[in-house]
Amino acid sequence: MLVSYQALQAGFNQSVPGALRLTDTSVDTVTVGDALATMTVFKRGDEVTKIIIETVATDEAIHATFYQLFVKGLEGGMHWSSSNYYHAMMATLADHGAHTGVNELGIRAEHVYQAHDRIVVTITR
């Protein structure tokens, strides 16, 4: 388990614009975002098992919605910050490969460059 959905919702929502906030829900997947980036939260009951963020690999997308979701919402709102995440993203952008960053809490963010200029970040523990 990464975190409880209730804790994720509380920390994340205080750090992102209203349009990107997580809703109260009993479904197993919750998706927020826009045309530039989306974040899907996978959960079992109140336990978040995985988070996937998909973004267009452009400066506009990365500095806009991806930044709000990953940096403001997860790193800031959840206090999951790590320079390892930044280095993994920069390496992925540079070589179009796959790179993983892990923070001191053991939360892994695997950044994978996919065809059609998309980056998928999978967050697990």
N, C-alpha and C. Protein backbone atom coordinates (compact mmCIF):
# COMPACT_ATOMS: atom_id res chain seq x y z
N MET A 1 0.84 -1.18 0.00
CA MET A 1 0.00 0.00 0.00
C MET A 1 0.88 1.24 0.00
N LEU A 2 0.55 2.17 -0.86
CA LEU A 2 1.25 3.46 -0.88
C LEU A 2 0.82 4.34 0.28
N VAL A 3 -0.50 4.50 0.39
CA VAL A 3 -1.08 5.43 1.35
C VAL A 3 -2.59 5.17 1.35
N SER A 4 -3.28 5.64 2.36
CA SER A 4 -4.74 5.53 2.31
C SER A 4 -5.26 6.57 1.32
N TYR A 5 -6.38 6.27 0.69
CA TYR A 5 -6.95 7.22 -0.26
C TYR A 5 -7.35 8.50 0.46
N GLN A 6 -7.84 8.37 1.67
CA GLN A 6 -8.24 9.54 2.45
C GLN A 6 -7.05 10.46 2.70
N ALA A 7 -5.90 9.89 3.06
CA ALA A 7 -4.69 10.70 3.29
C ALA A 7 -4.19 11.31 1.99
N LEU A 8 -4.23 10.54 0.90
CA LEU A 8 -3.82 11.06 -0.41
C LEU A 8 -4.71 12.22 -0.81
N GLN A 9 -5.99 12.03 -0.68
CA GLN A 9 -6.95 13.07 -1.05
C GLN A 9 -6.71 14.35 -0.24
N ALA A 10 -6.50 14.21 1.05
CA ALA A 10 -6.30 15.38 1.91
C ALA A 10 -5.01 16.13 1.55
N GLY A 11 -3.90 15.42 1.42
CA GLY A 11 -2.63 16.06 1.12
C GLY A 11 -2.56 16.60 -0.30
N PHE A 12 -2.99 15.80 -1.24
CA PHE A 12 -2.94 16.16 -2.66
C PHE A 12 -3.85 17.35 -2.95
N ASN A 13 -5.09 17.28 -2.49
CA ASN A 13 -6.07 18.30 -2.83
C ASN A 13 -5.72 19.69 -2.30
N GLN A 14 -5.00 19.77 -1.21
CA GLN A 14 -4.64 21.09 -0.67
C GLN A 14 -3.57 21.77 -1.52
N SER A 15 -2.94 21.02 -2.42
CA SER A 15 -1.80 21.55 -3.17
C SER A 15 -2.05 21.75 -4.66
N VAL A 16 -3.21 21.36 -5.16
CA VAL A 16 -3.48 21.46 -6.60
C VAL A 16 -4.72 22.32 -6.86
N PRO A 17 -4.84 22.83 -8.10
CA PRO A 17 -6.04 23.60 -8.45
C PRO A 17 -7.30 22.74 -8.36
N GLY A 18 -8.43 23.38 -8.19
CA GLY A 18 -9.70 22.68 -8.03
C GLY A 18 -10.01 21.66 -9.10
N ALA A 19 -9.68 21.95 -10.35
CA ALA A 19 -9.99 21.03 -11.45
C ALA A 19 -9.22 19.72 -11.37
N LEU A 20 -8.14 19.68 -10.59
CA LEU A 20 -7.32 18.47 -10.50
C LEU A 20 -7.52 17.71 -9.19
N ARG A 21 -8.44 18.14 -8.37
CA ARG A 21 -8.62 17.51 -7.06
C ARG A 21 -9.27 16.13 -7.16
N LEU A 22 -8.85 15.27 -6.25
CA LEU A 22 -9.42 13.92 -6.16
C LEU A 22 -10.78 14.00 -5.49
N THR A 23 -11.71 13.19 -5.96
CA THR A 23 -13.07 13.22 -5.44
C THR A 23 -13.30 12.10 -4.42
N ASP A 24 -14.35 12.25 -3.64
CA ASP A 24 -14.80 11.17 -2.77
C ASP A 24 -15.43 10.12 -3.66
N THR A 25 -15.00 8.90 -3.53
CA THR A 25 -15.53 7.86 -4.41
C THR A 25 -15.31 6.48 -3.82
N SER A 26 -16.13 5.56 -4.24
CA SER A 26 -15.96 4.17 -3.80
C SER A 26 -15.45 3.29 -4.94
N VAL A 27 -15.23 3.86 -6.13
CA VAL A 27 -14.74 3.06 -7.26
C VAL A 27 -13.25 2.76 -7.08
N ASP A 28 -12.76 1.75 -7.81
CA ASP A 28 -11.38 1.29 -7.65
C ASP A 28 -10.34 2.12 -8.40
N THR A 29 -10.76 2.95 -9.36
CA THR A 29 -9.83 3.82 -10.05
C THR A 29 -10.41 5.23 -10.13
N VAL A 30 -9.55 6.20 -9.95
CA VAL A 30 -9.95 7.60 -10.01
C VAL A 30 -8.96 8.30 -10.93
N THR A 31 -9.47 9.02 -11.94
CA THR A 31 -8.60 9.71 -12.88
C THR A 31 -8.90 11.20 -12.86
N VAL A 32 -7.83 12.01 -12.79
CA VAL A 32 -7.94 13.46 -12.89
C VAL A 32 -6.91 13.94 -13.90
N GLY A 33 -7.12 15.12 -14.46
CA GLY A 33 -6.16 15.68 -15.39
C GLY A 33 -6.82 16.39 -16.54
N ASP A 34 -6.05 16.53 -17.62
CA ASP A 34 -6.55 17.22 -18.81
C ASP A 34 -5.88 16.61 -20.04
N ALA A 35 -5.93 17.31 -21.17
CA ALA A 35 -5.37 16.78 -22.41
C ALA A 35 -3.84 16.63 -22.36
N LEU A 36 -3.18 17.36 -21.48
CA LEU A 36 -1.72 17.31 -21.40
C LEU A 36 -1.22 16.20 -20.48
N ALA A 37 -1.95 15.93 -19.41
CA ALA A 37 -1.51 14.91 -18.45
C ALA A 37 -2.70 14.41 -17.64
N THR A 38 -2.64 13.13 -17.30
CA THR A 38 -3.66 12.54 -16.42
C THR A 38 -2.98 11.76 -15.31
N MET A 39 -3.67 11.65 -14.20
CA MET A 39 -3.21 10.84 -13.08
C MET A 39 -4.34 9.88 -12.73
N THR A 40 -4.01 8.59 -12.70
CA THR A 40 -4.99 7.58 -12.31
C THR A 40 -4.53 6.94 -11.02
N VAL A 41 -5.42 6.92 -10.05
CA VAL A 41 -5.15 6.33 -8.74
C VAL A 41 -5.87 4.98 -8.70
N PHE A 42 -5.11 3.93 -8.42
CA PHE A 42 -5.67 2.58 -8.30
C PHE A 42 -5.76 2.27 -6.81
N LYS A 43 -6.93 1.80 -6.40
CA LYS A 43 -7.11 1.53 -4.97
C LYS A 43 -7.93 0.29 -4.73
N ARG A 44 -7.76 -0.23 -3.55
CA ARG A 44 -8.53 -1.37 -3.07
C ARG A 44 -9.12 -0.92 -1.75
N GLY A 45 -10.42 -0.66 -1.74
CA GLY A 45 -11.02 -0.06 -0.55
C GLY A 45 -10.46 1.33 -0.37
N ASP A 46 -9.87 1.60 0.79
CA ASP A 46 -9.25 2.90 1.04
C ASP A 46 -7.73 2.86 0.82
N GLU A 47 -7.20 1.72 0.38
CA GLU A 47 -5.75 1.59 0.19
C GLU A 47 -5.35 1.88 -1.25
N VAL A 48 -4.49 2.87 -1.43
CA VAL A 48 -3.96 3.19 -2.75
C VAL A 48 -2.83 2.21 -3.05
N THR A 49 -2.95 1.48 -4.16
CA THR A 49 -1.95 0.47 -4.51
C THR A 49 -0.95 0.96 -5.55
N LYS A 50 -1.39 1.90 -6.40
CA LYS A 50 -0.53 2.38 -7.47
C LYS A 50 -1.10 3.68 -8.01
N ILE A 51 -0.22 4.55 -8.49
CA ILE A 51 -0.62 5.79 -9.16
C ILE A 51 0.13 5.84 -10.48
N ILE A 52 -0.59 6.13 -11.55
CA ILE A 52 0.05 6.28 -12.86
C ILE A 52 -0.26 7.67 -13.40
N ILE A 53 0.80 8.37 -13.77
CA ILE A 53 0.66 9.68 -14.42
C ILE A 53 1.16 9.53 -15.85
N GLU A 54 0.33 9.93 -16.79
CA GLU A 54 0.71 9.93 -18.20
C GLU A 54 0.73 11.36 -18.69
N THR A 55 1.81 11.72 -19.40
CA THR A 55 1.94 13.09 -19.88
C THR A 55 2.53 13.11 -21.28
N VAL A 56 2.18 14.14 -22.00
CA VAL A 56 2.80 14.40 -23.29
C VAL A 56 4.22 14.88 -22.98
N ALA A 57 5.20 14.41 -23.74
CA ALA A 57 6.60 14.74 -23.47
C ALA A 57 6.99 16.07 -24.12
N THR A 58 6.31 17.13 -23.70
CA THR A 58 6.64 18.48 -24.18
C THR A 58 6.88 19.36 -22.97
N ASP A 59 7.65 20.42 -23.16
CA ASP A 59 7.88 21.36 -22.06
C ASP A 59 6.57 21.91 -21.53
N GLU A 60 5.64 22.23 -22.44
CA GLU A 60 4.35 22.79 -22.02
C GLU A 60 3.63 21.84 -21.06
N ALA A 61 3.53 20.58 -21.43
CA ALA A 61 2.82 19.60 -20.60
C ALA A 61 3.53 19.37 -19.28
N ILE A 62 4.84 19.22 -19.34
CA ILE A 62 5.60 18.91 -18.12
C ILE A 62 5.58 20.09 -17.15
N HIS A 63 5.63 21.30 -17.66
CA HIS A 63 5.62 22.47 -16.79
C HIS A 63 4.22 22.91 -16.38
N ALA A 64 3.21 22.29 -16.95
CA ALA A 64 1.83 22.68 -16.62
C ALA A 64 1.18 21.59 -15.77
N THR A 65 0.41 20.74 -16.39
CA THR A 65 -0.38 19.76 -15.64
C THR A 65 0.47 18.73 -14.92
N PHE A 66 1.50 18.19 -15.57
CA PHE A 66 2.36 17.21 -14.90
C PHE A 66 2.96 17.82 -13.64
N TYR A 67 3.43 19.04 -13.74
CA TYR A 67 4.02 19.72 -12.58
C TYR A 67 3.00 19.82 -11.45
N GLN A 68 1.77 20.19 -11.78
CA GLN A 68 0.73 20.31 -10.75
C GLN A 68 0.46 18.95 -10.09
N LEU A 69 0.33 17.90 -10.91
CA LEU A 69 0.01 16.58 -10.38
C LEU A 69 1.16 16.00 -9.57
N PHE A 70 2.34 15.94 -10.17
CA PHE A 70 3.46 15.23 -9.55
C PHE A 70 4.19 16.09 -8.51
N VAL A 71 4.63 17.26 -8.93
CA VAL A 71 5.46 18.08 -8.04
C VAL A 71 4.62 18.74 -6.95
N LYS A 72 3.58 19.44 -7.32
CA LYS A 72 2.76 20.13 -6.32
C LYS A 72 1.92 19.14 -5.51
N GLY A 73 1.21 18.25 -6.18
CA GLY A 73 0.28 17.36 -5.50
C GLY A 73 0.93 16.24 -4.72
N LEU A 74 1.83 15.49 -5.37
CA LEU A 74 2.43 14.33 -4.71
C LEU A 74 3.69 14.68 -3.92
N GLU A 75 4.64 15.34 -4.58
CA GLU A 75 5.87 15.67 -3.85
C GLU A 75 5.60 16.69 -2.76
N GLY A 76 4.84 17.74 -3.08
CA GLY A 76 4.57 18.78 -2.09
C GLY A 76 3.48 18.42 -1.12
N GLY A 77 2.31 18.12 -1.64
CA GLY A 77 1.15 17.85 -0.79
C GLY A 77 1.30 16.61 0.07
N MET A 78 1.97 15.59 -0.46
CA MET A 78 2.15 14.35 0.29
C MET A 78 3.51 14.27 0.98
N HIS A 79 4.36 15.26 0.76
CA HIS A 79 5.71 15.28 1.33
C HIS A 79 6.52 14.08 0.85
N TRP A 80 6.38 13.76 -0.44
CA TRP A 80 7.11 12.65 -1.05
C TRP A 80 8.29 13.15 -1.87
N SER A 81 8.72 14.35 -1.66
CA SER A 81 9.74 14.97 -2.51
C SER A 81 11.05 14.19 -2.51
N SER A 82 11.70 14.18 -3.68
CA SER A 82 13.02 13.57 -3.81
C SER A 82 13.68 14.07 -5.08
N SER A 83 14.94 14.43 -4.98
CA SER A 83 15.68 14.82 -6.18
C SER A 83 15.84 13.62 -7.11
N ASN A 84 15.71 12.42 -6.59
CA ASN A 84 15.79 11.21 -7.43
C ASN A 84 14.68 11.20 -8.48
N TYR A 85 13.51 11.71 -8.14
CA TYR A 85 12.41 11.78 -9.10
C TYR A 85 12.77 12.73 -10.25
N TYR A 86 13.31 13.88 -9.89
CA TYR A 86 13.71 14.86 -10.90
C TYR A 86 14.76 14.27 -11.83
N HIS A 87 15.77 13.63 -11.26
CA HIS A 87 16.84 13.05 -12.08
C HIS A 87 16.31 11.94 -12.99
N ALA A 88 15.36 11.15 -12.50
CA ALA A 88 14.77 10.10 -13.33
C ALA A 88 14.01 10.71 -14.51
N MET A 89 13.26 11.77 -14.27
CA MET A 89 12.52 12.42 -15.36
C MET A 89 13.48 13.04 -16.37
N MET A 90 14.50 13.72 -15.90
CA MET A 90 15.46 14.35 -16.82
C MET A 90 16.18 13.31 -17.66
N ALA A 91 16.56 12.19 -17.06
CA ALA A 91 17.23 11.12 -17.80
C ALA A 91 16.28 10.51 -18.84
N THR A 92 15.02 10.34 -18.48
CA THR A 92 14.03 9.79 -19.41
C THR A 92 13.83 10.72 -20.59
N LEU A 93 13.76 12.01 -20.33
CA LEU A 93 13.62 12.98 -21.42
C LEU A 93 14.85 12.99 -22.32
N ALA A 94 16.02 12.82 -21.72
CA ALA A 94 17.27 12.88 -22.49
C ALA A 94 17.49 11.67 -23.38
N ASP A 95 17.21 10.47 -22.86
CA ASP A 95 17.55 9.27 -23.65
C ASP A 95 16.34 8.45 -24.09
N HIS A 96 15.14 8.93 -23.77
CA HIS A 96 13.90 8.23 -24.13
C HIS A 96 13.87 6.81 -23.59
N GLY A 97 14.47 6.62 -22.43
CA GLY A 97 14.51 5.30 -21.80
C GLY A 97 13.60 5.23 -20.60
N ALA A 98 13.95 4.32 -19.70
CA ALA A 98 13.20 4.12 -18.46
C ALA A 98 14.15 4.34 -17.29
N HIS A 99 13.72 5.16 -16.33
CA HIS A 99 14.55 5.46 -15.17
C HIS A 99 13.66 5.53 -13.93
N THR A 100 14.19 5.06 -12.81
CA THR A 100 13.41 5.02 -11.57
C THR A 100 14.07 5.86 -10.50
N GLY A 101 13.25 6.63 -9.81
CA GLY A 101 13.70 7.37 -8.64
C GLY A 101 12.97 6.83 -7.42
N VAL A 102 13.68 6.74 -6.30
CA VAL A 102 13.08 6.25 -5.05
C VAL A 102 13.36 7.28 -3.97
N ASN A 103 12.33 7.62 -3.18
CA ASN A 103 12.56 8.57 -2.09
C ASN A 103 12.89 7.83 -0.80
N GLU A 104 13.14 8.59 0.27
CA GLU A 104 13.54 7.98 1.54
C GLU A 104 12.42 7.19 2.20
N LEU A 105 11.19 7.34 1.72
CA LEU A 105 10.07 6.56 2.25
C LEU A 105 9.88 5.24 1.49
N GLY A 106 10.71 5.02 0.48
CA GLY A 106 10.61 3.80 -0.32
C GLY A 106 9.58 3.88 -1.42
N ILE A 107 9.13 5.08 -1.75
CA ILE A 107 8.15 5.26 -2.82
C ILE A 107 8.91 5.41 -4.14
N ARG A 108 8.59 4.51 -5.07
CA ARG A 108 9.28 4.43 -6.36
C ARG A 108 8.47 5.14 -7.43
N ALA A 109 9.16 5.89 -8.26
CA ALA A 109 8.53 6.53 -9.41
C ALA A 109 9.32 6.12 -10.65
N GLU A 110 8.76 5.19 -11.42
CA GLU A 110 9.41 4.72 -12.64
C GLU A 110 8.92 5.56 -13.81
N HIS A 111 9.84 6.24 -14.48
CA HIS A 111 9.54 7.09 -15.62
C HIS A 111 9.89 6.32 -16.89
N VAL A 112 8.92 6.15 -17.79
CA VAL A 112 9.15 5.40 -19.02
C VAL A 112 8.70 6.25 -20.21
N TYR A 113 9.60 6.42 -21.16
CA TYR A 113 9.27 7.13 -22.40
C TYR A 113 8.59 6.14 -23.33
N GLN A 114 7.43 6.50 -23.84
CA GLN A 114 6.71 5.62 -24.75
C GLN A 114 6.57 6.28 -26.11
N ALA A 115 6.19 5.48 -27.08
CA ALA A 115 6.00 5.99 -28.44
C ALA A 115 5.02 7.16 -28.44
N HIS A 116 5.09 7.93 -29.49
CA HIS A 116 4.21 9.08 -29.67
C HIS A 116 4.43 10.15 -28.60
N ASP A 117 5.69 10.29 -28.16
CA ASP A 117 6.07 11.37 -27.25
C ASP A 117 5.24 11.42 -25.97
N ARG A 118 5.11 10.28 -25.33
CA ARG A 118 4.41 10.21 -24.05
C ARG A 118 5.34 9.64 -22.99
N ILE A 119 5.18 10.14 -21.78
CA ILE A 119 5.92 9.60 -20.64
C ILE A 119 4.89 9.08 -19.64
N VAL A 120 5.15 7.88 -19.15
CA VAL A 120 4.29 7.27 -18.15
C VAL A 120 5.12 7.11 -16.87
N VAL A 121 4.59 7.65 -15.78
CA VAL A 121 5.25 7.54 -14.49
C VAL A 121 4.38 6.65 -13.60
N THR A 122 4.96 5.53 -13.17
CA THR A 122 4.23 4.60 -12.31
C THR A 122 4.80 4.70 -10.90
N ILE A 123 3.93 4.99 -9.95
CA ILE A 123 4.34 5.21 -8.57
C ILE A 123 3.84 4.04 -7.72
N THR A 124 4.79 3.37 -7.07
CA THR A 124 4.48 2.22 -6.23
C THR A 124 5.38 2.26 -5.00
N ARG A 125 5.17 1.31 -4.12
CA ARG A 125 6.07 1.17 -2.97
C ARG A 125 6.78 -0.15 -3.11
